[in-house]
């Protein structure tokens, strides 16, 4: 029981809470939902509502520099449960990149960039849990990146990139590092 409580606490401490909520939009006739901005508290539930309102959606298009990893993993599970892909047209970093990596159907548009770095707690955990929280966060990120096909060298590079920095990967770099995804040609920006 203590382990479950500790892991739950660890997961809630592994990402910084964003200040402004993400915008999640859908439009009748489109086969995708768009999410822009930080992956904040309630993101996965708002995504669920948007997907429920657009039965034709086959993908989530996301542009985000990160947020709460717990919400990102929950959103990826939702997408996987529904057989919905995730696509990146611009930039997707930190928790967003973990959401992309955790999804079963991944799409990158030409010119897209994915950013990884070491995680950090959103608030200072008790000293006794600090190391466990960091190790737990690193394990979750490594599992997500491995699921996407990234090789051990890239996973280690991401884990060793300080939280204050970003390891940005262009499409060709992600592919060379073993990531498995569909490449889509660059098109004009959608406007739901």
N, C-alpha and C. Protein backbone atom coordinates (compact mmCIF):
# COMPACT_ATOMS: atom_id res chain seq x y z
N UNK A 1 0.83 -1.19 0.00
CA UNK A 1 0.00 0.00 0.00
C UNK A 1 0.87 1.25 0.00
N UNK A 2 1.93 1.25 0.83
CA UNK A 2 2.82 2.41 0.90
C UNK A 2 3.50 2.65 -0.44
N UNK A 3 3.88 1.57 -1.15
CA UNK A 3 4.52 1.71 -2.44
C UNK A 3 3.58 2.38 -3.43
N UNK A 4 2.29 1.98 -3.45
CA UNK A 4 1.33 2.58 -4.36
C UNK A 4 1.15 4.05 -4.04
N UNK A 5 1.06 4.39 -2.78
CA UNK A 5 0.92 5.79 -2.39
C UNK A 5 2.16 6.57 -2.80
N UNK A 6 3.34 6.00 -2.58
CA UNK A 6 4.58 6.67 -2.94
C UNK A 6 4.68 6.87 -4.44
N UNK A 7 4.31 5.83 -5.23
CA UNK A 7 4.38 5.97 -6.68
C UNK A 7 3.36 6.98 -7.18
N UNK A 8 2.18 7.00 -6.57
CA UNK A 8 1.18 7.98 -6.95
C UNK A 8 1.68 9.39 -6.64
N UNK A 9 2.25 9.57 -5.47
CA UNK A 9 2.82 10.86 -5.10
C UNK A 9 3.95 11.22 -6.05
N UNK A 10 4.78 10.24 -6.38
CA UNK A 10 5.90 10.49 -7.29
C UNK A 10 5.39 10.95 -8.65
N UNK A 11 4.37 10.30 -9.18
CA UNK A 11 3.83 10.70 -10.48
C UNK A 11 3.27 12.11 -10.44
N UNK A 12 2.65 12.47 -9.33
CA UNK A 12 2.07 13.81 -9.25
C UNK A 12 3.12 14.89 -9.06
N UNK A 13 4.34 14.51 -8.70
CA UNK A 13 5.39 15.49 -8.47
C UNK A 13 6.36 15.61 -9.64
N UNK A 14 6.16 14.86 -10.71
CA UNK A 14 7.19 14.79 -11.74
C UNK A 14 7.10 15.82 -12.85
N UNK A 15 6.15 16.71 -12.82
CA UNK A 15 6.08 17.71 -13.88
C UNK A 15 5.59 19.03 -13.32
N UNK A 16 6.02 20.08 -13.94
CA UNK A 16 5.64 21.41 -13.50
C UNK A 16 4.23 21.74 -13.99
N UNK A 17 3.40 22.28 -13.10
CA UNK A 17 2.04 22.64 -13.46
C UNK A 17 2.06 23.89 -14.35
N UNK A 18 1.42 23.82 -15.53
CA UNK A 18 1.39 24.98 -16.41
C UNK A 18 0.48 26.08 -15.86
N UNK A 19 0.72 27.29 -16.32
CA UNK A 19 -0.04 28.45 -15.84
C UNK A 19 -1.31 28.71 -16.64
N UNK A 20 -1.31 28.43 -17.92
CA UNK A 20 -2.44 28.72 -18.80
C UNK A 20 -2.93 27.40 -19.38
N UNK A 21 -4.23 27.14 -19.34
CA UNK A 21 -4.71 25.85 -19.85
C UNK A 21 -4.57 25.72 -21.36
N UNK A 22 -4.46 24.48 -21.83
CA UNK A 22 -4.41 24.20 -23.26
C UNK A 22 -5.76 24.47 -23.88
N UNK A 23 -5.73 24.82 -25.14
CA UNK A 23 -6.96 24.95 -25.92
C UNK A 23 -7.14 23.65 -26.69
N UNK A 24 -8.31 23.06 -26.56
CA UNK A 24 -8.62 21.83 -27.30
C UNK A 24 -9.85 22.15 -28.14
N UNK A 25 -9.69 22.04 -29.47
CA UNK A 25 -10.76 22.46 -30.37
C UNK A 25 -11.08 21.38 -31.39
N UNK A 26 -12.32 21.38 -31.80
CA UNK A 26 -12.78 20.48 -32.85
C UNK A 26 -13.76 21.25 -33.71
N UNK A 27 -13.92 20.81 -34.91
CA UNK A 27 -14.85 21.47 -35.83
C UNK A 27 -15.55 20.39 -36.64
N UNK A 28 -16.84 20.56 -36.82
CA UNK A 28 -17.62 19.59 -37.59
C UNK A 28 -17.00 19.42 -38.97
N UNK A 29 -16.90 18.18 -39.39
CA UNK A 29 -16.37 17.89 -40.71
C UNK A 29 -14.88 17.57 -40.72
N UNK A 30 -14.16 17.89 -39.64
CA UNK A 30 -12.74 17.57 -39.57
C UNK A 30 -12.56 16.20 -38.93
N UNK A 31 -11.55 15.48 -39.36
CA UNK A 31 -11.31 14.15 -38.80
C UNK A 31 -10.21 14.17 -37.74
N UNK A 32 -9.99 15.33 -37.13
CA UNK A 32 -9.01 15.44 -36.06
C UNK A 32 -9.42 16.52 -35.07
N UNK A 33 -8.80 16.45 -33.90
CA UNK A 33 -8.96 17.43 -32.83
C UNK A 33 -7.62 18.13 -32.69
N UNK A 34 -7.63 19.42 -32.37
CA UNK A 34 -6.38 20.17 -32.20
C UNK A 34 -6.24 20.59 -30.75
N UNK A 35 -5.04 20.38 -30.19
CA UNK A 35 -4.72 20.84 -28.84
C UNK A 35 -3.47 21.71 -28.93
N UNK A 36 -3.56 22.91 -28.38
CA UNK A 36 -2.41 23.81 -28.36
C UNK A 36 -2.22 24.35 -26.94
N UNK A 37 -0.98 24.52 -26.56
CA UNK A 37 -0.68 25.08 -25.24
C UNK A 37 -0.28 24.01 -24.25
N UNK A 38 -0.09 24.43 -23.01
CA UNK A 38 0.41 23.51 -21.97
C UNK A 38 -0.56 22.37 -21.66
N UNK A 39 0.01 21.23 -21.38
CA UNK A 39 -0.77 20.06 -20.95
C UNK A 39 -1.01 20.23 -19.46
N UNK A 40 -2.18 20.74 -19.13
CA UNK A 40 -2.51 21.16 -17.78
C UNK A 40 -3.42 20.16 -17.08
N UNK A 41 -3.74 20.45 -15.83
CA UNK A 41 -4.67 19.62 -15.06
C UNK A 41 -6.01 19.60 -15.79
N UNK A 42 -6.55 18.41 -15.98
CA UNK A 42 -7.82 18.25 -16.67
C UNK A 42 -7.70 18.10 -18.18
N UNK A 43 -6.48 18.14 -18.70
CA UNK A 43 -6.26 18.04 -20.16
C UNK A 43 -6.89 16.76 -20.72
N UNK A 44 -6.62 15.63 -20.10
CA UNK A 44 -7.11 14.36 -20.64
C UNK A 44 -8.63 14.29 -20.63
N UNK A 45 -9.26 14.86 -19.63
CA UNK A 45 -10.73 14.85 -19.59
C UNK A 45 -11.33 15.80 -20.63
N UNK A 46 -10.70 16.95 -20.84
CA UNK A 46 -11.16 17.87 -21.89
C UNK A 46 -10.95 17.25 -23.27
N UNK A 47 -9.85 16.50 -23.42
CA UNK A 47 -9.62 15.80 -24.67
C UNK A 47 -10.70 14.74 -24.88
N UNK A 48 -11.03 14.00 -23.83
CA UNK A 48 -12.09 12.99 -23.92
C UNK A 48 -13.40 13.64 -24.40
N UNK A 49 -13.75 14.78 -23.83
CA UNK A 49 -14.99 15.47 -24.22
C UNK A 49 -14.94 15.90 -25.68
N UNK A 50 -13.79 16.41 -26.13
CA UNK A 50 -13.66 16.84 -27.53
C UNK A 50 -13.77 15.65 -28.47
N UNK A 51 -13.17 14.53 -28.11
CA UNK A 51 -13.26 13.33 -28.94
C UNK A 51 -14.68 12.78 -28.95
N UNK A 52 -15.35 12.85 -27.80
CA UNK A 52 -16.74 12.40 -27.72
C UNK A 52 -17.64 13.23 -28.64
N UNK A 53 -17.30 14.51 -28.78
CA UNK A 53 -18.13 15.39 -29.61
C UNK A 53 -17.77 15.31 -31.10
N UNK A 54 -16.70 14.60 -31.43
CA UNK A 54 -16.29 14.45 -32.83
C UNK A 54 -15.99 12.97 -33.10
N UNK A 55 -17.04 12.23 -33.38
CA UNK A 55 -16.90 10.79 -33.60
C UNK A 55 -16.05 10.47 -34.82
N UNK A 56 -15.87 11.43 -35.72
CA UNK A 56 -15.08 11.20 -36.93
C UNK A 56 -13.58 11.36 -36.69
N UNK A 57 -13.20 11.82 -35.49
CA UNK A 57 -11.78 12.09 -35.22
C UNK A 57 -10.95 10.82 -35.28
N UNK A 58 -9.89 10.87 -36.08
CA UNK A 58 -8.96 9.76 -36.17
C UNK A 58 -7.59 10.14 -35.61
N UNK A 59 -7.42 11.43 -35.28
CA UNK A 59 -6.14 11.86 -34.72
C UNK A 59 -6.28 13.12 -33.88
N UNK A 60 -5.28 13.32 -33.04
CA UNK A 60 -5.13 14.53 -32.26
C UNK A 60 -3.91 15.24 -32.82
N UNK A 61 -4.07 16.48 -33.24
CA UNK A 61 -2.92 17.28 -33.65
C UNK A 61 -2.54 18.16 -32.47
N UNK A 62 -1.28 18.10 -32.08
CA UNK A 62 -0.85 18.78 -30.86
C UNK A 62 0.34 19.69 -31.11
N UNK A 63 0.33 20.83 -30.43
CA UNK A 63 1.46 21.77 -30.41
C UNK A 63 1.57 22.23 -28.97
N UNK A 64 2.63 21.78 -28.29
CA UNK A 64 2.77 22.08 -26.87
C UNK A 64 4.23 21.98 -26.46
N UNK A 65 4.62 22.85 -25.55
CA UNK A 65 5.98 22.79 -25.02
C UNK A 65 6.04 22.03 -23.70
N UNK A 66 4.93 21.37 -23.33
CA UNK A 66 4.98 20.50 -22.16
C UNK A 66 3.88 20.76 -21.17
N UNK A 67 4.14 20.33 -19.94
CA UNK A 67 3.16 20.46 -18.87
C UNK A 67 3.23 19.29 -17.93
N UNK A 68 2.08 18.77 -17.57
CA UNK A 68 1.98 17.70 -16.58
C UNK A 68 2.11 16.33 -17.25
N UNK A 69 3.16 15.62 -16.90
CA UNK A 69 3.38 14.31 -17.52
C UNK A 69 2.26 13.33 -17.18
N UNK A 70 1.71 13.41 -15.99
CA UNK A 70 0.61 12.52 -15.61
C UNK A 70 -0.58 12.69 -16.57
N UNK A 71 -0.90 13.93 -16.93
CA UNK A 71 -1.98 14.20 -17.89
C UNK A 71 -1.61 13.72 -19.28
N UNK A 72 -0.35 13.88 -19.65
CA UNK A 72 0.11 13.44 -20.97
C UNK A 72 -0.03 11.92 -21.11
N UNK A 73 0.37 11.18 -20.09
CA UNK A 73 0.24 9.72 -20.13
C UNK A 73 -1.23 9.31 -20.16
N UNK A 74 -2.07 10.00 -19.41
CA UNK A 74 -3.52 9.69 -19.42
C UNK A 74 -4.11 9.96 -20.80
N UNK A 75 -3.69 11.05 -21.44
CA UNK A 75 -4.18 11.38 -22.78
C UNK A 75 -3.72 10.33 -23.78
N UNK A 76 -2.47 9.88 -23.68
CA UNK A 76 -1.96 8.85 -24.59
C UNK A 76 -2.76 7.55 -24.41
N UNK A 77 -3.06 7.19 -23.18
CA UNK A 77 -3.87 5.98 -22.92
C UNK A 77 -5.25 6.11 -23.55
N UNK A 78 -5.85 7.30 -23.44
CA UNK A 78 -7.16 7.55 -24.04
C UNK A 78 -7.08 7.38 -25.56
N UNK A 79 -6.06 7.99 -26.18
CA UNK A 79 -5.90 7.86 -27.63
C UNK A 79 -5.71 6.40 -28.03
N UNK A 80 -4.88 5.68 -27.29
CA UNK A 80 -4.62 4.27 -27.60
C UNK A 80 -5.89 3.43 -27.45
N UNK A 81 -6.65 3.69 -26.39
CA UNK A 81 -7.89 2.93 -26.16
C UNK A 81 -8.88 3.11 -27.31
N UNK A 82 -8.85 4.29 -27.94
CA UNK A 82 -9.79 4.59 -29.02
C UNK A 82 -9.21 4.38 -30.41
N UNK A 83 -7.96 3.97 -30.49
CA UNK A 83 -7.33 3.77 -31.80
C UNK A 83 -7.10 5.07 -32.54
N UNK A 84 -6.85 6.13 -31.80
CA UNK A 84 -6.66 7.47 -32.39
C UNK A 84 -5.17 7.82 -32.35
N UNK A 85 -4.67 8.35 -33.46
CA UNK A 85 -3.27 8.72 -33.55
C UNK A 85 -3.00 10.12 -33.03
N UNK A 86 -1.71 10.43 -32.89
CA UNK A 86 -1.30 11.77 -32.49
C UNK A 86 -0.33 12.28 -33.53
N UNK A 87 -0.54 13.52 -33.95
CA UNK A 87 0.32 14.09 -34.98
C UNK A 87 0.88 15.43 -34.54
N UNK A 88 2.11 15.69 -34.97
CA UNK A 88 2.80 16.92 -34.62
C UNK A 88 3.18 17.63 -35.90
N UNK A 89 2.70 18.86 -36.04
CA UNK A 89 2.99 19.68 -37.20
C UNK A 89 4.12 20.67 -36.89
N UNK A 90 4.18 21.16 -35.65
CA UNK A 90 5.16 22.16 -35.24
C UNK A 90 6.10 21.62 -34.18
N UNK A 91 5.93 22.11 -32.93
CA UNK A 91 6.80 21.69 -31.83
C UNK A 91 5.99 20.95 -30.77
N UNK A 92 6.62 19.93 -30.22
CA UNK A 92 6.02 19.12 -29.16
C UNK A 92 7.16 18.73 -28.25
N UNK A 93 7.14 19.21 -27.01
CA UNK A 93 8.29 18.99 -26.12
C UNK A 93 7.85 18.57 -24.73
N UNK A 94 8.79 17.99 -24.01
CA UNK A 94 8.64 17.63 -22.61
C UNK A 94 7.46 16.66 -22.46
N UNK A 95 6.45 17.01 -21.68
CA UNK A 95 5.30 16.10 -21.48
C UNK A 95 4.60 15.81 -22.80
N UNK A 96 4.56 16.77 -23.71
CA UNK A 96 3.95 16.54 -25.02
C UNK A 96 4.70 15.45 -25.77
N UNK A 97 6.03 15.52 -25.76
CA UNK A 97 6.83 14.51 -26.45
C UNK A 97 6.62 13.13 -25.83
N UNK A 98 6.43 13.07 -24.52
CA UNK A 98 6.15 11.79 -23.86
C UNK A 98 4.78 11.26 -24.26
N UNK A 99 3.80 12.17 -24.43
CA UNK A 99 2.48 11.77 -24.89
C UNK A 99 2.58 11.20 -26.31
N UNK A 100 3.33 11.90 -27.18
CA UNK A 100 3.52 11.45 -28.56
C UNK A 100 4.20 10.07 -28.57
N UNK A 101 5.26 9.93 -27.78
CA UNK A 101 6.01 8.68 -27.75
C UNK A 101 5.17 7.53 -27.19
N UNK A 102 4.25 7.83 -26.27
CA UNK A 102 3.42 6.80 -25.64
C UNK A 102 2.25 6.36 -26.51
N UNK A 103 1.94 7.14 -27.52
CA UNK A 103 0.82 6.79 -28.41
C UNK A 103 1.23 5.67 -29.34
N UNK A 104 0.27 4.84 -29.70
CA UNK A 104 0.55 3.73 -30.60
C UNK A 104 0.64 4.17 -32.06
N UNK A 105 -0.08 5.22 -32.42
CA UNK A 105 -0.05 5.75 -33.78
C UNK A 105 0.56 7.15 -33.74
N UNK A 106 1.78 7.28 -34.25
CA UNK A 106 2.51 8.54 -34.20
C UNK A 106 2.74 9.08 -35.60
N UNK A 107 2.50 10.38 -35.77
CA UNK A 107 2.69 11.04 -37.06
C UNK A 107 3.51 12.30 -36.82
N UNK A 108 4.51 12.53 -37.67
CA UNK A 108 5.24 13.79 -37.68
C UNK A 108 5.10 14.39 -39.07
N UNK A 109 4.78 15.67 -39.12
CA UNK A 109 4.79 16.38 -40.38
C UNK A 109 6.22 16.80 -40.69
N UNK A 110 6.55 16.92 -41.96
CA UNK A 110 7.86 17.44 -42.34
C UNK A 110 8.04 18.79 -41.64
N UNK A 111 9.20 18.99 -41.03
CA UNK A 111 9.48 20.24 -40.34
C UNK A 111 9.12 20.23 -38.86
N UNK A 112 8.47 19.17 -38.39
CA UNK A 112 8.11 19.09 -36.96
C UNK A 112 9.36 18.87 -36.12
N UNK A 113 9.26 19.22 -34.84
CA UNK A 113 10.36 19.01 -33.90
C UNK A 113 9.80 18.43 -32.61
N UNK A 114 10.51 17.43 -32.08
CA UNK A 114 10.16 16.78 -30.83
C UNK A 114 11.27 17.08 -29.83
N UNK A 115 10.89 17.49 -28.61
CA UNK A 115 11.89 17.86 -27.61
C UNK A 115 11.79 17.03 -26.34
N UNK A 116 12.95 16.53 -25.90
CA UNK A 116 13.02 15.72 -24.67
C UNK A 116 14.03 16.34 -23.72
N UNK A 117 13.83 16.07 -22.43
CA UNK A 117 14.78 16.45 -21.39
C UNK A 117 14.46 15.67 -20.12
N UNK A 118 15.34 15.79 -19.14
CA UNK A 118 15.08 15.14 -17.86
C UNK A 118 13.90 15.83 -17.18
N UNK A 119 13.08 15.05 -16.50
CA UNK A 119 11.95 15.62 -15.78
C UNK A 119 12.40 16.24 -14.46
N UNK A 120 11.47 16.96 -13.86
CA UNK A 120 11.73 17.48 -12.52
C UNK A 120 10.41 17.62 -11.80
N UNK A 121 10.44 17.52 -10.48
CA UNK A 121 9.20 17.66 -9.71
C UNK A 121 8.63 19.07 -9.81
N UNK A 122 7.30 19.17 -9.78
CA UNK A 122 6.65 20.48 -9.83
C UNK A 122 6.76 21.19 -8.48
N UNK A 123 6.92 20.42 -7.45
CA UNK A 123 7.14 21.00 -6.12
C UNK A 123 8.17 20.12 -5.43
N UNK A 124 8.80 20.63 -4.45
CA UNK A 124 9.88 19.92 -3.78
C UNK A 124 9.30 18.78 -2.93
N UNK A 125 9.58 17.53 -3.33
CA UNK A 125 9.07 16.41 -2.54
C UNK A 125 9.86 16.28 -1.24
N UNK A 126 9.31 15.57 -0.27
CA UNK A 126 10.08 15.32 0.95
C UNK A 126 11.43 14.69 0.58
N UNK A 127 12.44 15.02 1.32
CA UNK A 127 13.80 14.55 1.02
C UNK A 127 13.85 13.03 0.86
N UNK A 128 13.10 12.32 1.67
CA UNK A 128 13.13 10.86 1.62
C UNK A 128 12.62 10.31 0.29
N UNK A 129 11.78 11.09 -0.42
CA UNK A 129 11.21 10.65 -1.69
C UNK A 129 11.90 11.25 -2.91
N UNK A 130 12.75 12.23 -2.72
CA UNK A 130 13.33 12.98 -3.84
C UNK A 130 13.98 12.06 -4.88
N UNK A 131 14.85 11.17 -4.47
CA UNK A 131 15.51 10.26 -5.40
C UNK A 131 14.54 9.32 -6.08
N UNK A 132 13.57 8.81 -5.32
CA UNK A 132 12.58 7.89 -5.89
C UNK A 132 11.72 8.59 -6.93
N UNK A 133 11.36 9.83 -6.67
CA UNK A 133 10.55 10.59 -7.62
C UNK A 133 11.31 10.78 -8.93
N UNK A 134 12.58 11.16 -8.83
CA UNK A 134 13.39 11.36 -10.04
C UNK A 134 13.58 10.06 -10.81
N UNK A 135 13.86 8.96 -10.12
CA UNK A 135 14.04 7.68 -10.78
C UNK A 135 12.75 7.21 -11.46
N UNK A 136 11.63 7.42 -10.76
CA UNK A 136 10.33 7.03 -11.32
C UNK A 136 10.04 7.83 -12.60
N UNK A 137 10.27 9.11 -12.56
CA UNK A 137 10.06 9.97 -13.73
C UNK A 137 10.94 9.53 -14.88
N UNK A 138 12.20 9.23 -14.60
CA UNK A 138 13.14 8.80 -15.63
C UNK A 138 12.72 7.46 -16.24
N UNK A 139 12.25 6.53 -15.40
CA UNK A 139 11.81 5.23 -15.90
C UNK A 139 10.60 5.38 -16.82
N UNK A 140 9.64 6.20 -16.42
CA UNK A 140 8.45 6.41 -17.26
C UNK A 140 8.84 7.01 -18.61
N UNK A 141 9.73 7.98 -18.60
CA UNK A 141 10.17 8.60 -19.86
C UNK A 141 10.91 7.60 -20.73
N UNK A 142 11.77 6.79 -20.12
CA UNK A 142 12.53 5.79 -20.88
C UNK A 142 11.59 4.76 -21.51
N UNK A 143 10.58 4.35 -20.77
CA UNK A 143 9.60 3.39 -21.30
C UNK A 143 8.85 4.00 -22.49
N UNK A 144 8.44 5.26 -22.35
CA UNK A 144 7.71 5.92 -23.44
C UNK A 144 8.59 6.03 -24.69
N UNK A 145 9.83 6.46 -24.50
CA UNK A 145 10.73 6.61 -25.65
C UNK A 145 11.03 5.26 -26.29
N UNK A 146 11.21 4.23 -25.49
CA UNK A 146 11.47 2.89 -26.03
C UNK A 146 10.26 2.39 -26.80
N UNK A 147 9.07 2.68 -26.30
CA UNK A 147 7.84 2.28 -27.00
C UNK A 147 7.78 2.90 -28.39
N UNK A 148 8.29 4.13 -28.51
CA UNK A 148 8.29 4.81 -29.80
C UNK A 148 9.42 4.31 -30.70
N UNK A 149 10.30 3.47 -30.16
CA UNK A 149 11.37 2.89 -30.96
C UNK A 149 12.72 3.55 -30.82
N UNK A 150 12.82 4.60 -29.99
CA UNK A 150 14.11 5.28 -29.83
C UNK A 150 15.15 4.31 -29.29
N UNK A 151 16.38 4.44 -29.79
CA UNK A 151 17.46 3.57 -29.33
C UNK A 151 17.96 4.01 -27.95
N UNK A 152 18.71 3.13 -27.31
CA UNK A 152 19.20 3.38 -25.95
C UNK A 152 20.04 4.65 -25.87
N UNK A 153 20.83 4.92 -26.90
CA UNK A 153 21.68 6.11 -26.89
C UNK A 153 20.84 7.39 -26.83
N UNK A 154 19.77 7.45 -27.61
CA UNK A 154 18.91 8.64 -27.60
C UNK A 154 18.16 8.76 -26.29
N UNK A 155 17.71 7.63 -25.75
CA UNK A 155 17.02 7.66 -24.46
C UNK A 155 17.94 8.20 -23.38
N UNK A 156 19.20 7.77 -23.41
CA UNK A 156 20.17 8.26 -22.43
C UNK A 156 20.47 9.74 -22.65
N UNK A 157 20.59 10.16 -23.90
CA UNK A 157 20.82 11.59 -24.18
C UNK A 157 19.68 12.44 -23.63
N UNK A 158 18.45 11.99 -23.82
CA UNK A 158 17.29 12.72 -23.31
C UNK A 158 17.33 12.78 -21.79
N UNK A 159 17.62 11.66 -21.15
CA UNK A 159 17.66 11.60 -19.68
C UNK A 159 18.76 12.49 -19.12
N UNK A 160 19.82 12.70 -19.88
CA UNK A 160 20.94 13.52 -19.42
C UNK A 160 20.83 14.98 -19.84
N UNK A 161 19.77 15.34 -20.54
CA UNK A 161 19.55 16.74 -20.91
C UNK A 161 18.88 17.44 -19.73
N UNK A 162 19.54 18.45 -19.16
CA UNK A 162 18.96 19.13 -17.99
C UNK A 162 17.55 19.66 -18.27
N UNK A 163 16.73 19.68 -17.24
CA UNK A 163 15.35 20.13 -17.39
C UNK A 163 15.28 21.55 -17.96
N UNK A 164 16.26 22.37 -17.67
CA UNK A 164 16.26 23.76 -18.13
C UNK A 164 16.63 23.85 -19.61
N UNK A 165 17.03 22.74 -20.22
CA UNK A 165 17.40 22.69 -21.63
C UNK A 165 16.44 21.78 -22.37
N UNK A 166 16.65 21.66 -23.67
CA UNK A 166 15.79 20.78 -24.47
C UNK A 166 16.64 20.12 -25.54
N UNK A 167 16.48 18.82 -25.70
CA UNK A 167 17.09 18.06 -26.77
C UNK A 167 16.08 18.03 -27.90
N UNK A 168 16.23 18.95 -28.86
CA UNK A 168 15.29 19.04 -29.97
C UNK A 168 15.70 18.08 -31.07
N UNK A 169 14.74 17.31 -31.55
CA UNK A 169 14.99 16.37 -32.65
C UNK A 169 14.15 16.76 -33.86
N UNK A 170 14.84 16.94 -34.97
CA UNK A 170 14.16 17.13 -36.25
C UNK A 170 13.65 15.76 -36.69
N UNK A 171 12.80 15.72 -37.70
CA UNK A 171 12.23 14.47 -38.18
C UNK A 171 13.31 13.46 -38.53
N UNK A 172 14.33 13.88 -39.27
CA UNK A 172 15.39 12.96 -39.71
C UNK A 172 16.17 12.42 -38.51
N UNK A 173 16.40 13.26 -37.49
CA UNK A 173 17.13 12.81 -36.30
C UNK A 173 16.31 11.78 -35.51
N UNK A 174 15.01 12.02 -35.39
CA UNK A 174 14.14 11.08 -34.70
C UNK A 174 14.14 9.73 -35.43
N UNK A 175 14.05 9.78 -36.75
CA UNK A 175 14.05 8.55 -37.55
C UNK A 175 15.39 7.82 -37.40
N UNK A 176 16.51 8.57 -37.46
CA UNK A 176 17.84 7.96 -37.34
C UNK A 176 18.04 7.32 -35.97
N UNK A 177 17.36 7.85 -34.94
CA UNK A 177 17.47 7.31 -33.58
C UNK A 177 16.52 6.14 -33.36
N UNK A 178 15.83 5.71 -34.42
CA UNK A 178 14.99 4.53 -34.33
C UNK A 178 13.51 4.77 -34.12
N UNK A 179 13.09 6.02 -33.94
CA UNK A 179 11.67 6.29 -33.69
C UNK A 179 10.83 5.80 -34.87
N UNK A 180 9.69 5.21 -34.55
CA UNK A 180 8.78 4.68 -35.55
C UNK A 180 7.57 5.61 -35.62
N UNK A 181 7.35 6.17 -36.79
CA UNK A 181 6.23 7.09 -36.99
C UNK A 181 5.94 7.21 -38.47
N UNK A 182 4.76 7.71 -38.77
CA UNK A 182 4.39 8.01 -40.14
C UNK A 182 4.85 9.44 -40.43
N UNK A 183 5.44 9.65 -41.60
CA UNK A 183 5.86 10.98 -42.01
C UNK A 183 4.80 11.55 -42.94
N UNK A 184 4.29 12.74 -42.60
CA UNK A 184 3.27 13.39 -43.42
C UNK A 184 3.89 14.62 -44.07
N UNK A 185 3.50 14.91 -45.31
CA UNK A 185 4.04 16.10 -45.97
C UNK A 185 3.52 17.37 -45.31
N UNK A 186 4.35 18.38 -45.32
CA UNK A 186 3.98 19.68 -44.73
C UNK A 186 2.83 20.26 -45.53
N UNK A 187 1.79 20.67 -44.81
CA UNK A 187 0.64 21.31 -45.45
C UNK A 187 0.33 22.57 -44.70
N UNK A 188 -0.65 23.33 -45.15
CA UNK A 188 -1.00 24.56 -44.46
C UNK A 188 -1.60 24.24 -43.09
N UNK A 189 -1.49 25.18 -42.19
CA UNK A 189 -2.00 24.99 -40.83
C UNK A 189 -3.51 24.83 -40.82
N UNK A 190 -4.04 23.88 -40.10
CA UNK A 190 -5.49 23.74 -39.98
C UNK A 190 -6.05 24.82 -39.05
N UNK A 191 -7.30 25.18 -39.27
CA UNK A 191 -7.95 26.18 -38.41
C UNK A 191 -9.34 25.71 -38.03
N UNK A 192 -9.45 24.99 -36.92
CA UNK A 192 -10.79 24.56 -36.50
C UNK A 192 -11.59 25.71 -35.93
